[in-house]
PDB file of N, CA and C in Angstrom:
ATOM      1  N   MET A   1       1.020  -1.515  -0.033  1.00  0.00           N
ATOM      2  CA  MET A   1      -0.100   0.297   0.116  1.00  0.00           C
ATOM      3  C   MET A   1       0.998   1.420  -0.011  1.00  0.00           C
ATOM      4  N   ILE A   2       0.472   2.410  -1.081  1.00  0.00           N
ATOM      5  CA  ILE A   2       1.467   3.457  -1.023  1.00  0.00           C
ATOM      6  C   ILE A   2       0.781   4.263   0.432  1.00  0.00           C
ATOM      7  N   ALA A   3       1.966   4.806   1.101  1.00  0.00           N
ATOM      8  CA  ALA A   3       2.078   5.226   2.463  1.00  0.00           C
ATOM      9  C   ALA A   3       2.385   6.912   2.089  1.00  0.00           C
ATOM     10  N   SER A   4       2.711   7.303   1.111  1.00  0.00           N
ATOM     11  CA  SER A   4       2.896   9.031   0.793  1.00  0.00           C
ATOM     12  C   SER A   4       4.257   9.049  -0.817  1.00  0.00           C
ATOM     13  N   THR A   5       3.834  10.106  -0.929  1.00  0.00           N
ATOM     14  CA  THR A   5       4.820  10.421  -2.636  1.00  0.00           C
ATOM     15  C   THR A   5       5.413  11.682  -1.691  1.00  0.00           C
ATOM     16  N   GLY A   6       6.707  11.613  -3.133  1.00  0.00           N
ATOM     17  CA  GLY A   6       7.101  13.007  -3.339  1.00  0.00           C
ATOM     18  C   GLY A   6       7.297  13.293  -4.348  1.00  0.00           C
ATOM     19  N   ILE A   7       7.533  14.347  -4.838  1.00  0.00           N
ATOM     20  CA  ILE A   7       8.157  15.078  -5.695  1.00  0.00           C
ATOM     21  C   ILE A   7       9.461  16.288  -5.444  1.00  0.00           C
ATOM     22  N   ASP A   8       9.950  16.502  -6.683  1.00  0.00           N
ATOM     23  CA  ASP A   8      11.467  17.847  -6.864  1.00  0.00           C
ATOM     24  C   ASP A   8      11.861  17.839  -7.607  1.00  0.00           C
ATOM     25  N   ILE A   9      12.219  19.269  -8.156  1.00  0.00           N
ATOM     26  CA  ILE A   9      12.486  19.764  -9.728  1.00  0.00           C
ATOM     27  C   ILE A   9      13.733  20.393  -8.839  1.00  0.00           C
ATOM     28  N   ALA A  10      14.998  20.348 -10.106  1.00  0.00           N
ATOM     29  CA  ALA A  10      16.045  21.148  -9.666  1.00  0.00           C
ATOM     30  C   ALA A  10      16.497  21.322 -10.602  1.00  0.00           C
ATOM     31  N   GLU A  11      17.417  22.435 -10.879  1.00  0.00           N
ATOM     32  CA  GLU A  11      17.873  23.488 -11.652  1.00  0.00           C
ATOM     33  C   GLU A  11      19.130  23.065 -11.779  1.00  0.00           C
ATOM     34  N   VAL A  12      20.320  22.315 -12.624  1.00  0.00           N
ATOM     35  CA  VAL A  12      21.530  22.098 -12.593  1.00  0.00           C
ATOM     36  C   VAL A  12      22.343  23.258 -12.205  1.00  0.00           C
ATOM     37  N   LYS A  13      22.189  24.333 -12.957  1.00  0.00           N
ATOM     38  CA  LYS A  13      23.418  25.482 -12.633  1.00  0.00           C
ATOM     39  C   LYS A  13      23.441  25.889 -10.562  1.00  0.00           C
ATOM     40  N   ARG A  14      21.626  26.085 -10.565  1.00  0.00           N
ATOM     41  CA  ARG A  14      22.032  26.387  -8.705  1.00  0.00           C
ATOM     42  C   ARG A  14      22.761  25.344  -8.220  1.00  0.00           C
ATOM     43  N   VAL A  15      22.789  23.668  -8.646  1.00  0.00           N
ATOM     44  CA  VAL A  15      23.559  23.150  -7.767  1.00  0.00           C
ATOM     45  C   VAL A  15      25.050  23.172  -8.182  1.00  0.00           C
ATOM     46  N   GLU A  16      25.444  23.231  -9.506  1.00  0.00           N
ATOM     47  CA  GLU A  16      26.720  23.520 -10.107  1.00  0.00           C
ATOM     48  C   GLU A  16      27.098  25.045  -9.449  1.00  0.00           C
ATOM     49  N   GLU A  17      26.106  25.946  -9.159  1.00  0.00           N
ATOM     50  CA  GLU A  17      27.045  26.588  -8.586  1.00  0.00           C
ATOM     51  C   GLU A  17      27.356  27.171  -6.950  1.00  0.00           C
ATOM     52  N   ALA A  18      26.338  26.502  -6.418  1.00  0.00           N
ATOM     53  CA  ALA A  18      26.285  25.977  -4.852  1.00  0.00           C
ATOM     54  C   ALA A  18      27.890  25.234  -4.801  1.00  0.00           C
ATOM     55  N   ILE A  19      27.812  24.237  -5.425  1.00  0.00           N
ATOM     56  CA  ILE A  19      29.193  23.612  -5.335  1.00  0.00           C
ATOM     57  C   ILE A  19      30.420  24.355  -5.960  1.00  0.00           C
ATOM     58  N   THR A  20      30.485  25.108  -6.518  1.00  0.00           N
ATOM     59  CA  THR A  20      31.417  25.999  -7.252  1.00  0.00           C
ATOM     60  C   THR A  20      31.620  27.110  -6.205  1.00  0.00           C
ATOM     61  N   ARG A  21      30.722  27.690  -5.391  1.00  0.00           N
ATOM     62  CA  ARG A  21      30.939  28.328  -4.420  1.00  0.00           C
ATOM     63  C   ARG A  21      31.196  27.959  -3.113  1.00  0.00           C
ATOM     64  N   TRP A  22      30.437  26.830  -2.616  1.00  0.00           N
ATOM     65  CA  TRP A  22      31.103  26.293  -1.168  1.00  0.00           C
ATOM     66  C   TRP A  22      32.171  25.085  -1.302  1.00  0.00           C
ATOM     67  N   GLY A  23      31.738  24.481  -2.641  1.00  0.00           N
ATOM     68  CA  GLY A  23      33.187  23.288  -2.547  1.00  0.00           C
ATOM     69  C   GLY A  23      32.711  22.117  -1.571  1.00  0.00           C
ATOM     70  N   LYS A  24      33.456  21.530  -0.996  1.00  0.00           N
ATOM     71  CA  LYS A  24      33.786  20.404  -0.400  1.00  0.00           C
ATOM     72  C   LYS A  24      32.698  20.413   1.061  1.00  0.00           C
ATOM     73  N   ARG A  25      32.679  21.988   1.674  1.00  0.00           N
ATOM     74  CA  ARG A  25      31.915  22.216   2.618  1.00  0.00           C
ATOM     75  C   ARG A  25      30.069  21.353   2.204  1.00  0.00           C
ATOM     76  N   PHE A  26      29.624  22.225   1.328  1.00  0.00           N
ATOM     77  CA  PHE A  26      28.558  22.230   0.484  1.00  0.00           C
ATOM     78  C   PHE A  26      28.610  20.846   0.296  1.00  0.00           C
ATOM     79  N   LEU A  27      29.605  19.966  -0.273  1.00  0.00           N
ATOM     80  CA  LEU A  27      29.277  18.320  -0.745  1.00  0.00           C
ATOM     81  C   LEU A  27      29.219  17.194   0.198  1.00  0.00           C
ATOM     82  N   ASP A  28      30.202  17.587   1.323  1.00  0.00           N
ATOM     83  CA  ASP A  28      30.121  16.704   3.170  1.00  0.00           C
ATOM     84  C   ASP A  28      28.621  17.303   3.463  1.00  0.00           C
ATOM     85  N   LYS A  29      28.203  18.142   3.367  1.00  0.00           N
ATOM     86  CA  LYS A  29      26.535  18.517   4.045  1.00  0.00           C
ATOM     87  C   LYS A  29      25.569  17.705   3.296  1.00  0.00           C
ATOM     88  N   VAL A  30      25.601  17.589   2.196  1.00  0.00           N
ATOM     89  CA  VAL A  30      24.460  17.250   1.140  1.00  0.00           C
ATOM     90  C   VAL A  30      24.765  15.584   0.619  1.00  0.00           C
ATOM     91  N   TYR A  31      25.651  14.887   0.432  1.00  0.00           N
ATOM     92  CA  TYR A  31      26.327  14.002  -0.071  1.00  0.00           C
ATOM     93  C   TYR A  31      27.007  13.382   0.750  1.00  0.00           C
ATOM     94  N   THR A  32      26.769  11.682   0.657  1.00  0.00           N
ATOM     95  CA  THR A  32      27.792  11.225   1.305  1.00  0.00           C
ATOM     96  C   THR A  32      28.864  10.689   0.551  1.00  0.00           C
ATOM     97  N   PRO A  33      30.116  10.328   1.092  1.00  0.00           N
ATOM     98  CA  PRO A  33      31.053   9.652  -0.027  1.00  0.00           C
ATOM     99  C   PRO A  33      31.154   8.944  -1.451  1.00  0.00           C
ATOM    100  N   SER A  34      30.508   8.437  -1.364  1.00  0.00           N
ATOM    101  CA  SER A  34      30.041   7.515  -2.031  1.00  0.00           C
ATOM    102  C   SER A  34      29.418   8.001  -3.318  1.00  0.00           C
ATOM    103  N   GLU A  35      28.459   8.496  -3.195  1.00  0.00           N
ATOM    104  CA  GLU A  35      27.365   9.667  -4.277  1.00  0.00           C
ATOM    105  C   GLU A  35      28.474  10.740  -4.564  1.00  0.00           C
ATOM    106  N   ILE A  36      29.096  11.412  -3.719  1.00  0.00           N
ATOM    107  CA  ILE A  36      30.157  12.411  -4.565  1.00  0.00           C
ATOM    108  C   ILE A  36      31.599  11.680  -5.077  1.00  0.00           C
ATOM    109  N   ALA A  37      31.772  10.172  -4.941  1.00  0.00           N
ATOM    110  CA  ALA A  37      32.895   9.479  -6.019  1.00  0.00           C
ATOM    111  C   ALA A  37      32.071   9.134  -7.350  1.00  0.00           C
ATOM    112  N   PHE A  38      30.688   8.706  -7.028  1.00  0.00           N
ATOM    113  CA  PHE A  38      29.650   8.459  -8.305  1.00  0.00           C
ATOM    114  C   PHE A  38      29.630   9.711  -9.253  1.00  0.00           C
ATOM    115  N   CYS A  39      29.223  10.609  -8.595  1.00  0.00           N
ATOM    116  CA  CYS A  39      29.027  12.069  -9.326  1.00  0.00           C
ATOM    117  C   CYS A  39      30.089  12.521  -9.827  1.00  0.00           C
ATOM    118  N   GLN A  40      31.465  12.401  -9.153  1.00  0.00           N
ATOM    119  CA  GLN A  40      32.725  12.717 -10.070  1.00  0.00           C
ATOM    120  C   GLN A  40      33.020  12.227 -10.794  1.00  0.00           C
ATOM    121  N   GLY A  41      32.918  10.967 -11.113  1.00  0.00           N
ATOM    122  CA  GLY A  41      33.030   9.773 -12.164  1.00  0.00           C
ATOM    123  C   GLY A  41      32.398  10.177 -13.745  1.00  0.00           C
ATOM    124  N   ARG A  42      31.226  10.953 -13.476  1.00  0.00           N
ATOM    125  CA  ARG A  42      30.116  11.046 -14.058  1.00  0.00           C
ATOM    126  C   ARG A  42      30.503  12.154 -15.478  1.00  0.00           C
ATOM    127  N   PRO A  43      30.360  11.639 -16.410  1.00  0.00           N
ATOM    128  CA  PRO A  43      30.547  12.896 -17.749  1.00  0.00           C
ATOM    129  C   PRO A  43      29.791  14.374 -17.348  1.00  0.00           C
ATOM    130  N   ASN A  44      28.937  14.089 -16.924  1.00  0.00           N
ATOM    131  CA  ASN A  44      28.441  15.663 -16.332  1.00  0.00           C
ATOM    132  C   ASN A  44      28.054  15.304 -15.470  1.00  0.00           C
ATOM    133  N   LYS A  45      28.676  15.795 -13.882  1.00  0.00           N
ATOM    134  CA  LYS A  45      28.898  15.530 -12.572  1.00  0.00           C
ATOM    135  C   LYS A  45      28.168  16.694 -12.120  1.00  0.00           C
ATOM    136  N   PHE A  46      27.712  17.282 -12.819  1.00  0.00           N
ATOM    137  CA  PHE A  46      26.811  18.551 -11.777  1.00  0.00           C
ATOM    138  C   PHE A  46      25.558  18.073 -12.294  1.00  0.00           C
ATOM    139  N   GLN A  47      24.671  17.011 -13.414  1.00  0.00           N
ATOM    140  CA  GLN A  47      23.617  16.763 -13.720  1.00  0.00           C
ATOM    141  C   GLN A  47      23.504  16.042 -12.975  1.00  0.00           C
ATOM    142  N   SER A  48      24.461  15.111 -12.270  1.00  0.00           N
ATOM    143  CA  SER A  48      24.553  13.846 -11.527  1.00  0.00           C
ATOM    144  C   SER A  48      24.128  14.241 -10.144  1.00  0.00           C
ATOM    145  N   TYR A  49      24.981  15.373  -9.697  1.00  0.00           N
ATOM    146  CA  TYR A  49      24.780  16.024  -8.373  1.00  0.00           C
ATOM    147  C   TYR A  49      23.089  16.526  -8.023  1.00  0.00           C
ATOM    148  N   ALA A  50      22.900  17.306  -9.328  1.00  0.00           N
ATOM    149  CA  ALA A  50      21.518  17.690  -9.261  1.00  0.00           C
ATOM    150  C   ALA A  50      20.225  16.813  -9.327  1.00  0.00           C
ATOM    151  N   ALA A  51      20.302  15.502  -9.643  1.00  0.00           N
ATOM    152  CA  ALA A  51      19.441  14.454  -9.670  1.00  0.00           C
ATOM    153  C   ALA A  51      19.182  13.965  -8.227  1.00  0.00           C
ATOM    154  N   ARG A  52      20.477  13.867  -7.610  1.00  0.00           N
ATOM    155  CA  ARG A  52      20.241  13.224  -6.384  1.00  0.00           C
ATOM    156  C   ARG A  52      20.226  13.945  -5.513  1.00  0.00           C
ATOM    157  N   PHE A  53      20.398  15.422  -5.562  1.00  0.00           N
ATOM    158  CA  PHE A  53      19.999  16.143  -4.718  1.00  0.00           C
ATOM    159  C   PHE A  53      18.038  16.388  -4.820  1.00  0.00           C
ATOM    160  N   ALA A  54      17.699  16.117  -6.029  1.00  0.00           N
ATOM    161  CA  ALA A  54      16.066  16.120  -5.876  1.00  0.00           C
ATOM    162  C   ALA A  54      15.684  15.023  -5.319  1.00  0.00           C
ATOM    163  N   GLY A  55      16.550  13.735  -5.466  1.00  0.00           N
ATOM    164  CA  GLY A  55      15.934  12.610  -5.181  1.00  0.00           C
ATOM    165  C   GLY A  55      16.165  12.854  -3.367  1.00  0.00           C
ATOM    166  N   LYS A  56      16.741  13.042  -3.208  1.00  0.00           N
ATOM    167  CA  LYS A  56      16.819  13.523  -1.706  1.00  0.00           C
ATOM    168  C   LYS A  56      15.820  14.270  -1.253  1.00  0.00           C
ATOM    169  N   GLU A  57      15.485  15.581  -1.610  1.00  0.00           N
ATOM    170  CA  GLU A  57      14.336  16.019  -1.398  1.00  0.00           C
ATOM    171  C   GLU A  57      12.939  15.248  -1.574  1.00  0.00           C
ATOM    172  N   ALA A  58      12.836  14.763  -2.394  1.00  0.00           N
ATOM    173  CA  ALA A  58      11.622  13.682  -2.839  1.00  0.00           C
ATOM    174  C   ALA A  58      11.330  13.017  -2.027  1.00  0.00           C
ATOM    175  N   VAL A  59      12.382  12.375  -1.514  1.00  0.00           N
ATOM    176  CA  VAL A  59      12.632  11.128  -0.551  1.00  0.00           C
ATOM    177  C   VAL A  59      12.055  12.228   1.090  1.00  0.00           C
ATOM    178  N   SER A  60      12.875  13.103   1.446  1.00  0.00           N
ATOM    179  CA  SER A  60      12.512  13.445   2.786  1.00  0.00           C
ATOM    180  C   SER A  60      11.189  14.362   2.864  1.00  0.00           C
ATOM    181  N   LYS A  61      10.398  14.388   1.586  1.00  0.00           N
ATOM    182  CA  LYS A  61       8.734  14.887   1.199  1.00  0.00           C
ATOM    183  C   LYS A  61       7.979  13.766   1.635  1.00  0.00           C
ATOM    184  N   CYS A  62       8.562  12.314   1.192  1.00  0.00           N
ATOM    185  CA  CYS A  62       7.618  10.903   1.323  1.00  0.00           C
ATOM    186  C   CYS A  62       8.165  10.482   3.084  1.00  0.00           C
ATOM    187  N   LEU A  63       8.931  11.301   3.257  1.00  0.00           N
ATOM    188  CA  LEU A  63       9.197  10.556   5.039  1.00  0.00           C
ATOM    189  C   LEU A  63       8.328  11.838   5.695  1.00  0.00           C
ATOM    190  N   GLY A  64       8.182  13.148   5.359  1.00  0.00           N
ATOM    191  CA  GLY A  64       6.938  13.876   6.255  1.00  0.00           C
ATOM    192  C   GLY A  64       7.869  14.714   6.902  1.00  0.00           C
ATOM    193  N   THR A  65       9.419  14.916   6.344  1.00  0.00           N
ATOM    194  CA  THR A  65      10.054  15.390   7.401  1.00  0.00           C
ATOM    195  C   THR A  65      10.938  16.921   6.450  1.00  0.00           C
ATOM    196  N   GLY A  66      10.803  16.875   5.587  1.00  0.00           N
ATOM    197  CA  GLY A  66      11.629  17.860   4.836  1.00  0.00           C
ATOM    198  C   GLY A  66      13.150  17.376   5.418  1.00  0.00           C
ATOM    199  N   PHE A  67      14.043  18.494   5.391  1.00  0.00           N
ATOM    200  CA  PHE A  67      15.044  18.702   5.845  1.00  0.00           C
ATOM    201  C   PHE A  67      15.429  19.499   7.505  1.00  0.00           C
ATOM    202  N   ARG A  68      14.266  18.307   7.911  1.00  0.00           N
ATOM    203  CA  ARG A  68      14.454  19.104   9.595  1.00  0.00           C
ATOM    204  C   ARG A  68      13.892  17.811  10.444  1.00  0.00           C
ATOM    205  N   ARG A  69      13.636  18.082  11.504  1.00  0.00           N
ATOM    206  CA  ARG A  69      13.589  16.826  12.581  1.00  0.00           C
ATOM    207  C   ARG A  69      14.355  15.976  12.487  1.00  0.00           C
ATOM    208  N   GLY A  70      15.775  16.440  12.493  1.00  0.00           N
ATOM    209  CA  GLY A  70      17.192  15.358  12.063  1.00  0.00           C
ATOM    210  C   GLY A  70      17.848  14.733  10.949  1.00  0.00           C
ATOM    211  N   VAL A  71      16.358  14.983   9.953  1.00  0.00           N
ATOM    212  CA  VAL A  71      16.612  14.237   8.762  1.00  0.00           C
ATOM    213  C   VAL A  71      17.895  15.210   7.981  1.00  0.00           C
ATOM    214  N   TYR A  72      19.143  14.875   7.850  1.00  0.00           N
ATOM    215  CA  TYR A  72      19.657  15.590   6.759  1.00  0.00           C
ATOM    216  C   TYR A  72      20.218  15.119   5.836  1.00  0.00           C
ATOM    217  N   PRO A  73      20.537  15.787   4.422  1.00  0.00           N
ATOM    218  CA  PRO A  73      20.623  15.492   3.336  1.00  0.00           C
ATOM    219  C   PRO A  73      21.456  14.554   2.844  1.00  0.00           C
ATOM    220  N   ASN A  74      22.480  14.230   3.918  1.00  0.00           N
ATOM    221  CA  ASN A  74      23.304  13.129   3.472  1.00  0.00           C
ATOM    222  C   ASN A  74      23.264  11.764   4.795  1.00  0.00           C
ATOM    223  N   LEU A  75      21.918  11.960   5.058  1.00  0.00           N
ATOM    224  CA  LEU A  75      21.098  10.651   5.881  1.00  0.00           C
ATOM    225  C   LEU A  75      20.587  10.217   4.494  1.00  0.00           C
ATOM    226  N   ILE A  76      20.346  11.054   3.460  1.00  0.00           N
ATOM    227  CA  ILE A  76      19.525  10.187   2.960  1.00  0.00           C
ATOM    228  C   ILE A  76      20.684   9.915   1.448  1.00  0.00           C
ATOM    229  N   GLU A  77      20.922   8.782   0.963  1.00  0.00           N
ATOM    230  CA  GLU A  77      21.788   8.220   0.016  1.00  0.00           C
ATOM    231  C   GLU A  77      20.809   7.932  -1.488  1.00  0.00           C
ATOM    232  N   ILE A  78      21.489   8.176  -2.491  1.00  0.00           N
ATOM    233  CA  ILE A  78      21.087   7.901  -3.323  1.00  0.00           C
ATOM    234  C   ILE A  78      21.750   6.627  -3.943  1.00  0.00           C
ATOM    235  N   VAL A  79      21.988   5.548  -4.243  1.00  0.00           N
ATOM    236  CA  VAL A  79      22.912   4.725  -5.097  1.00  0.00           C
ATOM    237  C   VAL A  79      22.431   4.146  -6.604  1.00  0.00           C
ATOM    238  N   ASP A  80      22.804   3.746  -7.668  1.00  0.00           N
ATOM    239  CA  ASP A  80      22.240   2.404  -8.242  1.00  0.00           C
ATOM    240  C   ASP A  80      22.535   1.477  -8.093  1.00  0.00           C
ATOM    241  N   ASN A  81      21.626   0.510  -7.907  1.00  0.00           N
ATOM    242  CA  ASN A  81      21.672  -0.986  -8.142  1.00  0.00           C
ATOM    243  C   ASN A  81      22.368  -1.663  -9.322  1.00  0.00           C
ATOM    244  N   GLU A  82      22.262  -2.776  -9.425  1.00  0.00           N
ATOM    245  CA  GLU A  82      23.011  -3.423 -10.560  1.00  0.00           C
ATOM    246  C   GLU A  82      22.526  -3.475 -11.583  1.00  0.00           C
ATOM    247  N   LYS A  83      21.390  -2.838 -12.183  1.00  0.00           N
ATOM    248  CA  LYS A  83      20.547  -2.089 -13.099  1.00  0.00           C
ATOM    249  C   LYS A  83      20.735  -1.130 -13.420  1.00  0.00           C
ATOM    250  N   SER A  84      21.547  -0.286 -12.802  1.00  0.00           N
ATOM    251  CA  SER A  84      21.534   1.463 -12.851  1.00  0.00           C
ATOM    252  C   SER A  84      20.612   1.970 -12.513  1.00  0.00           C
ATOM    253  N   ARG A  85      19.238   1.655 -12.012  1.00  0.00           N
ATOM    254  CA  ARG A  85      18.454   2.259 -11.135  1.00  0.00           C
ATOM    255  C   ARG A  85      18.713   2.792 -10.164  1.00  0.00           C
ATOM    256  N   PRO A  86      18.326   3.689  -9.542  1.00  0.00           N
ATOM    257  CA  PRO A  86      18.087   4.813  -8.425  1.00  0.00           C
ATOM    258  C   PRO A  86      17.425   3.967  -7.608  1.00  0.00           C
ATOM    259  N   THR A  87      18.437   3.661  -6.098  1.00  0.00           N
ATOM    260  CA  THR A  87      17.487   3.184  -5.315  1.00  0.00           C
ATOM    261  C   THR A  87      18.149   4.197  -3.967  1.00  0.00           C
ATOM    262  N   VAL A  88      17.586   3.670  -2.820  1.00  0.00           N
ATOM    263  CA  VAL A  88      17.425   4.998  -1.445  1.00  0.00           C
ATOM    264  C   VAL A  88      18.250   4.168  -0.397  1.00  0.00           C
ATOM    265  N   LYS A  89      19.282   4.472   0.277  1.00  0.00           N
ATOM    266  CA  LYS A  89      19.436   3.887   1.622  1.00  0.00           C
ATOM    267  C   LYS A  89      19.007   5.413   2.504  1.00  0.00           C
ATOM    268  N   LEU A  90      18.728   4.686   3.872  1.00  0.00           N
ATOM    269  CA  LEU A  90      18.515   5.966   4.744  1.00  0.00           C
ATOM    270  C   LEU A  90      19.711   5.383   5.996  1.00  0.00           C
ATOM    271  N   HIS A  91      19.962   6.254   6.544  1.00  0.00           N
ATOM    272  CA  HIS A  91      21.200   6.437   7.608  1.00  0.00           C
ATOM    273  C   HIS A  91      20.442   7.030   8.599  1.00  0.00           C
ATOM    274  N   GLY A  92      20.791   6.627  10.074  1.00  0.00           N
ATOM    275  CA  GLY A  92      20.508   8.174  10.701  1.00  0.00           C
ATOM    276  C   GLY A  92      19.205   8.218  11.232  1.00  0.00           C
ATOM    277  N   ARG A  93      18.585   9.168  11.220  1.00  0.00           N
ATOM    278  CA  ARG A  93      17.294   9.528  11.688  1.00  0.00           C
ATOM    279  C   ARG A  93      16.439   9.012  10.721  1.00  0.00           C
ATOM    280  N   ALA A  94      16.963   9.842   9.242  1.00  0.00           N
ATOM    281  CA  ALA A  94      16.091   9.395   8.262  1.00  0.00           C
ATOM    282  C   ALA A  94      15.605   7.762   7.979  1.00  0.00           C
ATOM    283  N   ALA A  95      16.230   7.024   8.855  1.00  0.00           N
ATOM    284  CA  ALA A  95      16.122   5.394   8.546  1.00  0.00           C
ATOM    285  C   ALA A  95      14.968   5.054   9.932  1.00  0.00           C
ATOM    286  N   GLU A  96      15.318   6.031  11.053  1.00  0.00           N
ATOM    287  CA  GLU A  96      13.931   5.965  11.838  1.00  0.00           C
ATOM    288  C   GLU A  96      12.412   6.123  11.305  1.00  0.00           C
ATOM    289  N   TYR A  97      12.609   7.365  10.413  1.00  0.00           N
ATOM    290  CA  TYR A  97      11.247   7.710  10.113  1.00  0.00           C
ATOM    291  C   TYR A  97      11.076   6.787   8.712  1.00  0.00           C
ATOM    292  N   GLY A  98      12.109   5.891   8.377  1.00  0.00           N
ATOM    293  CA  GLY A  98      11.458   5.462   7.161  1.00  0.00           C
ATOM    294  C   GLY A  98      11.527   3.621   7.663  1.00  0.00           C
ATOM    295  N   ARG A  99      11.722   3.325   8.822  1.00  0.00           N
ATOM    296  CA  ARG A  99      11.229   2.088   9.264  1.00  0.00           C
ATOM    297  C   ARG A  99       9.845   1.387   8.920  1.00  0.00           C
ATOM    298  N   GLY A 100       9.961   0.298   8.235  1.00  0.00           N
ATOM    299  CA  GLY A 100       8.861  -0.652   7.477  1.00  0.00           C
ATOM    300  C   GLY A 100       8.061  -0.066   6.814  1.00  0.00           C
ATOM    301  N   TYR A 101       9.185   0.906   6.054  1.00  0.00           N
ATOM    302  CA  TYR A 101       8.837   1.122   4.643  1.00  0.00           C
ATOM    303  C   TYR A 101       9.615   0.466   3.419  1.00  0.00           C
ATOM    304  N   THR A 102       9.430   0.910   2.057  1.00  0.00           N
ATOM    305  CA  THR A 102      10.014   0.558   1.059  1.00  0.00           C
ATOM    306  C   THR A 102      10.217   1.626   0.654  1.00  0.00           C
ATOM    307  N   LEU A 103      11.129   2.255  -0.041  1.00  0.00           N
ATOM    308  CA  LEU A 103      11.038   3.460  -1.087  1.00  0.00           C
ATOM    309  C   LEU A 103      11.261   3.443  -2.210  1.00  0.00           C
ATOM    310  N   HIS A 104      10.727   3.708  -3.133  1.00  0.00           N
ATOM    311  CA  HIS A 104      10.758   3.871  -5.004  1.00  0.00           C
ATOM    312  C   HIS A 104      11.022   5.087  -5.371  1.00  0.00           C
ATOM    313  N   LEU A 105      12.176   5.296  -6.261  1.00  0.00           N
ATOM    314  CA  LEU A 105      12.698   6.632  -6.676  1.00  0.00           C
ATOM    315  C   LEU A 105      12.942   6.414  -8.194  1.00  0.00           C
ATOM    316  N   SER A 106      12.290   7.464  -8.902  1.00  0.00           N
ATOM    317  CA  SER A 106      12.532   7.633 -10.320  1.00  0.00           C
ATOM    318  C   SER A 106      13.366   8.730 -11.030  1.00  0.00           C
ATOM    319  N   LEU A 107      14.419   9.317 -11.590  1.00  0.00           N
ATOM    320  CA  LEU A 107      15.083  10.142 -11.457  1.00  0.00           C
ATOM    321  C   LEU A 107      15.050  10.338 -13.060  1.00  0.00           C
ATOM    322  N   SER A 108      15.179  11.619 -13.555  1.00  0.00           N
ATOM    323  CA  SER A 108      14.863  11.912 -14.548  1.00  0.00           C
ATOM    324  C   SER A 108      15.645  13.785 -14.736  1.00  0.00           C
ATOM    325  N   HIS A 109      16.315  13.586 -16.243  1.00  0.00           N
ATOM    326  CA  HIS A 109      17.063  14.947 -16.307  1.00  0.00           C
ATOM    327  C   HIS A 109      17.117  15.368 -17.599  1.00  0.00           C
ATOM    328  N   ASP A 110      17.145  16.410 -17.853  1.00  0.00           N
ATOM    329  CA  ASP A 110      17.675  17.102 -19.539  1.00  0.00           C
ATOM    330  C   ASP A 110      18.882  17.968 -18.953  1.00  0.00           C
ATOM    331  N   ARG A 111      19.428  18.746 -19.867  1.00  0.00           N
ATOM    332  CA  ARG A 111      20.586  19.713 -19.936  1.00  0.00           C
ATOM    333  C   ARG A 111      20.402  20.550 -18.650  1.00  0.00           C
ATOM    334  N   SER A 112      19.287  21.120 -18.590  1.00  0.00           N
ATOM    335  CA  SER A 112      19.341  22.482 -17.301  1.00  0.00           C
ATOM    336  C   SER A 112      18.111  21.682 -16.238  1.00  0.00           C
ATOM    337  N   MET A 113      17.455  20.993 -16.421  1.00  0.00           N
ATOM    338  CA  MET A 113      16.557  20.764 -15.159  1.00  0.00           C
ATOM    339  C   MET A 113      16.441  18.916 -14.469  1.00  0.00           C
ATOM    340  N   VAL A 114      16.744  18.467 -13.481  1.00  0.00           N
ATOM    341  CA  VAL A 114      15.893  17.149 -13.060  1.00  0.00           C
ATOM    342  C   VAL A 114      14.936  17.002 -12.172  1.00  0.00           C
ATOM    343  N   VAL A 115      14.312  16.120 -12.744  1.00  0.00           N
ATOM    344  CA  VAL A 115      12.831  15.913 -11.610  1.00  0.00           C
ATOM    345  C   VAL A 115      13.450  14.439 -10.904  1.00  0.00           C
ATOM    346  N   ALA A 116      12.384  14.113  -9.736  1.00  0.00           N
ATOM    347  CA  ALA A 116      12.391  13.106  -9.088  1.00  0.00           C
ATOM    348  C   ALA A 116      11.469  12.665  -8.077  1.00  0.00           C
ATOM    349  N   VAL A 117      11.095  11.950  -8.220  1.00  0.00           N
ATOM    350  CA  VAL A 117       9.779  10.928  -7.801  1.00  0.00           C
ATOM    351  C   VAL A 117      10.018  10.050  -6.872  1.00  0.00           C
ATOM    352  N   ALA A 118       9.299  10.155  -5.716  1.00  0.00           N
ATOM    353  CA  ALA A 118       9.617   9.080  -4.612  1.00  0.00           C
ATOM    354  C   ALA A 118       8.087   8.739  -4.167  1.00  0.00           C
ATOM    355  N   VAL A 119       8.200   7.386  -4.154  1.00  0.00           N
ATOM    356  CA  VAL A 119       7.108   6.772  -3.823  1.00  0.00           C
ATOM    357  C   VAL A 119       7.216   5.884  -2.520  1.00  0.00           C
ATOM    358  N   MET A 120       6.798   6.079  -1.323  1.00  0.00           N
ATOM    359  CA  MET A 120       6.949   5.012  -0.261  1.00  0.00           C
ATOM    360  C   MET A 120       5.395   4.243   0.016  1.00  0.00           C
ATOM    361  N   GLU A 121       6.133   3.209   0.290  1.00  0.00           N
ATOM    362  CA  GLU A 121       5.100   1.856   0.013  1.00  0.00           C
ATOM    363  C   GLU A 121       5.362   1.127   1.742  1.00  0.00           C
ATOM    364  N   LYS A 122       4.387   0.929   2.575  1.00  0.00           N
ATOM    365  CA  LYS A 122       4.175   0.413   3.743  1.00  0.00           C
ATOM    366  C   LYS A 122       4.323  -1.552   3.539  1.00  0.00           C
ATOM    367  N   ILE A 123       5.796  -1.760   4.102  1.00  0.00           N
ATOM    368  CA  ILE A 123       5.922  -3.457   3.675  1.00  0.00           C
ATOM    369  C   ILE A 123       4.590  -4.228   4.346  1.00  0.00           C
TER     370      ILE A 123
END
């Protein structure tokens, strides 16, 4: 049974500007080390960072917390599975809110915009 949904859209340029301006400080606050390694290895790394950012926002909406109540962006990890599909790993407080649920995530993008849709399903 679907418990909640979340959607987010992000502009690639805004994420690129934040990374350019704040560098490692921004990256460490928003992304896990494995997400940073993945995005850095992509042909269009800023598009990958933006897609993961939108995914984190969409998931935080599913959880009903946004980025508050102890749920921070780097506690929501977006990783690709063996079929290159995005999956969600929750850590810390985010994992507490997500206990008993399965999260599904879809990411899409063009050159300048990314969109993420998350669905939270009761197990």
